[in-house]
Amino acid sequence: MSRSLAELTDLVSEVSDTYASRNDIARDDDWYILKVQEELGELVAEYLKTTGRGRPKGADAGDYPAGAGRRSSRRSGHAAALCTQQ
């Protein structure tokens, strides 16, 4: 199934709206950029684990590529959400 960037951005926005509503988060421009930074930091940590330079924290080595993929997806989604706020 193929979706456009606009469709994916809308889906990410829906999830983000739900998360913010449930957790009483006021999202402003700072929140969006800090969220992108948080996800990027977690992506770097997954990458370091994948290359044997991070702390495993009890996970199996096979878990790292999947974790990195999820982080990359979230980072891209939050970056798209940030762009739509500008």
C-alpha atoms as a PDB file:
ATOM      1  CA  MET A   1       0.000   0.000   0.000  1.00  0.00           C
ATOM      2  CA  SER A   2       1.412   3.342  -1.043  1.00  0.00           C
ATOM      3  CA  ARG A   3       0.484   6.657   0.533  1.00  0.00           C
ATOM      4  CA  SER A   4       1.452  10.204  -0.259  1.00  0.00           C
ATOM      5  CA  LEU A   5       3.518  12.330   2.086  1.00  0.00           C
ATOM      6  CA  ALA A   6       0.446  14.451   2.761  1.00  0.00           C
ATOM      7  CA  GLU A   7      -1.577  11.369   3.752  1.00  0.00           C
ATOM      8  CA  LEU A   8       1.194  10.118   6.028  1.00  0.00           C
ATOM      9  CA  THR A   9       1.563  13.553   7.590  1.00  0.00           C
ATOM     10  CA  ASP A  10      -2.188  13.601   8.296  1.00  0.00           C
ATOM     11  CA  LEU A  11      -1.968  10.185   9.975  1.00  0.00           C
ATOM     12  CA  VAL A  12       0.962  11.277  12.129  1.00  0.00           C
ATOM     13  CA  SER A  13      -0.929  14.443  13.049  1.00  0.00           C
ATOM     14  CA  GLU A  14      -3.926  12.384  14.178  1.00  0.00           C
ATOM     15  CA  VAL A  15      -1.754  10.231  16.422  1.00  0.00           C
ATOM     16  CA  SER A  16       0.052  13.298  17.738  1.00  0.00           C
ATOM     17  CA  ASP A  17      -3.252  15.076  18.438  1.00  0.00           C
ATOM     18  CA  THR A  18      -4.560  12.069  20.361  1.00  0.00           C
ATOM     19  CA  TYR A  19      -1.329  11.754  22.373  1.00  0.00           C
ATOM     20  CA  ALA A  20      -1.335  15.472  23.224  1.00  0.00           C
ATOM     21  CA  SER A  21      -4.996  15.408  24.228  1.00  0.00           C
ATOM     22  CA  ARG A  22      -4.645  12.340  26.451  1.00  0.00           C
ATOM     23  CA  ASN A  23      -1.539  13.709  28.152  1.00  0.00           C
ATOM     24  CA  ASP A  24      -2.592  17.374  28.393  1.00  0.00           C
ATOM     25  CA  ILE A  25       0.343  18.574  26.275  1.00  0.00           C
ATOM     26  CA  ALA A  26       0.344  22.043  24.754  1.00  0.00           C
ATOM     27  CA  ARG A  27       2.260  21.679  21.500  1.00  0.00           C
ATOM     28  CA  ASP A  28       4.028  24.742  20.203  1.00  0.00           C
ATOM     29  CA  ASP A  29       6.942  25.147  17.803  1.00  0.00           C
ATOM     30  CA  ASP A  30       9.401  24.342  20.600  1.00  0.00           C
ATOM     31  CA  TRP A  31       7.597  21.101  21.394  1.00  0.00           C
ATOM     32  CA  TYR A  32       7.762  19.942  17.778  1.00  0.00           C
ATOM     33  CA  ILE A  33      11.489  20.585  17.356  1.00  0.00           C
ATOM     34  CA  LEU A  34      12.300  19.071  20.749  1.00  0.00           C
ATOM     35  CA  LYS A  35      10.267  15.984  19.848  1.00  0.00           C
ATOM     36  CA  VAL A  36      12.253  15.605  16.617  1.00  0.00           C
ATOM     37  CA  GLN A  37      15.468  15.953  18.651  1.00  0.00           C
ATOM     38  CA  GLU A  38      14.287  13.322  21.147  1.00  0.00           C
ATOM     39  CA  GLU A  39      13.473  10.842  18.397  1.00  0.00           C
ATOM     40  CA  LEU A  40      16.801  11.532  16.677  1.00  0.00           C
ATOM     41  CA  GLY A  41      18.651  10.824  19.943  1.00  0.00           C
ATOM     42  CA  GLU A  42      16.825   7.532  20.300  1.00  0.00           C
ATOM     43  CA  LEU A  43      17.606   6.673  16.667  1.00  0.00           C
ATOM     44  CA  VAL A  44      21.311   7.318  17.310  1.00  0.00           C
ATOM     45  CA  ALA A  45      21.173   5.068  20.376  1.00  0.00           C
ATOM     46  CA  GLU A  46      19.602   2.276  18.290  1.00  0.00           C
ATOM     47  CA  TYR A  47      22.257   2.742  15.613  1.00  0.00           C
ATOM     48  CA  LEU A  48      25.045   2.501  18.181  1.00  0.00           C
ATOM     49  CA  LYS A  49      23.513  -0.695  19.570  1.00  0.00           C
ATOM     50  CA  THR A  50      23.279  -2.125  16.040  1.00  0.00           C
ATOM     51  CA  THR A  51      26.966  -1.472  15.465  1.00  0.00           C
ATOM     52  CA  GLY A  52      27.956  -2.960  18.820  1.00  0.00           C
ATOM     53  CA  ARG A  53      28.823   0.366  20.443  1.00  0.00           C
ATOM     54  CA  GLY A  54      25.725   0.960  22.557  1.00  0.00           C
ATOM     55  CA  ARG A  55      24.489  -0.503  25.793  1.00  0.00           C
ATOM     56  CA  PRO A  56      22.169  -3.443  25.104  1.00  0.00           C
ATOM     57  CA  LYS A  57      19.834  -2.783  28.090  1.00  0.00           C
ATOM     58  CA  GLY A  58      18.634  -6.391  28.028  1.00  0.00           C
ATOM     59  CA  ALA A  59      17.519  -6.491  24.385  1.00  0.00           C
ATOM     60  CA  ASP A  60      18.652  -9.044  21.834  1.00  0.00           C
ATOM     61  CA  ALA A  61      20.849  -7.911  18.951  1.00  0.00           C
ATOM     62  CA  GLY A  62      18.062  -8.899  16.528  1.00  0.00           C
ATOM     63  CA  ASP A  63      15.773  -6.267  18.072  1.00  0.00           C
ATOM     64  CA  TYR A  64      17.949  -3.355  17.016  1.00  0.00           C
ATOM     65  CA  PRO A  65      17.122  -3.096  13.297  1.00  0.00           C
ATOM     66  CA  ALA A  66      13.394  -3.099  14.052  1.00  0.00           C
ATOM     67  CA  GLY A  67      13.865  -0.493  16.766  1.00  0.00           C
ATOM     68  CA  ALA A  68      15.898   1.681  14.437  1.00  0.00           C
ATOM     69  CA  GLY A  69      13.185   1.431  11.779  1.00  0.00           C
ATOM     70  CA  ARG A  70      10.507   2.522  14.236  1.00  0.00           C
ATOM     71  CA  ARG A  71      12.657   5.445  15.378  1.00  0.00           C
ATOM     72  CA  SER A  72      13.311   6.497  11.806  1.00  0.00           C
ATOM     73  CA  SER A  73       9.583   6.401  11.040  1.00  0.00           C
ATOM     74  CA  ARG A  74       8.699   8.438  14.093  1.00  0.00           C
ATOM     75  CA  ARG A  75      11.442  10.966  13.441  1.00  0.00           C
ATOM     76  CA  SER A  76      10.204  11.437   9.878  1.00  0.00           C
ATOM     77  CA  GLY A  77       6.629  11.769  11.077  1.00  0.00           C
ATOM     78  CA  HIS A  78       7.471  14.365  13.699  1.00  0.00           C
ATOM     79  CA  ALA A  79       9.612  16.285  11.210  1.00  0.00           C
ATOM     80  CA  ALA A  80       6.656  16.372   8.808  1.00  0.00           C
ATOM     81  CA  ALA A  81       4.374  17.552  11.624  1.00  0.00           C
ATOM     82  CA  LEU A  82       6.894  20.278  12.492  1.00  0.00           C
ATOM     83  CA  CYS A  83       6.923  21.456   8.876  1.00  0.00           C
ATOM     84  CA  THR A  84       3.142  21.729   8.765  1.00  0.00           C
ATOM     85  CA  GLN A  85       3.198  23.982  11.845  1.00  0.00           C
ATOM     86  CA  GLN A  86       5.443  26.591  10.210  1.00  0.00           C
END
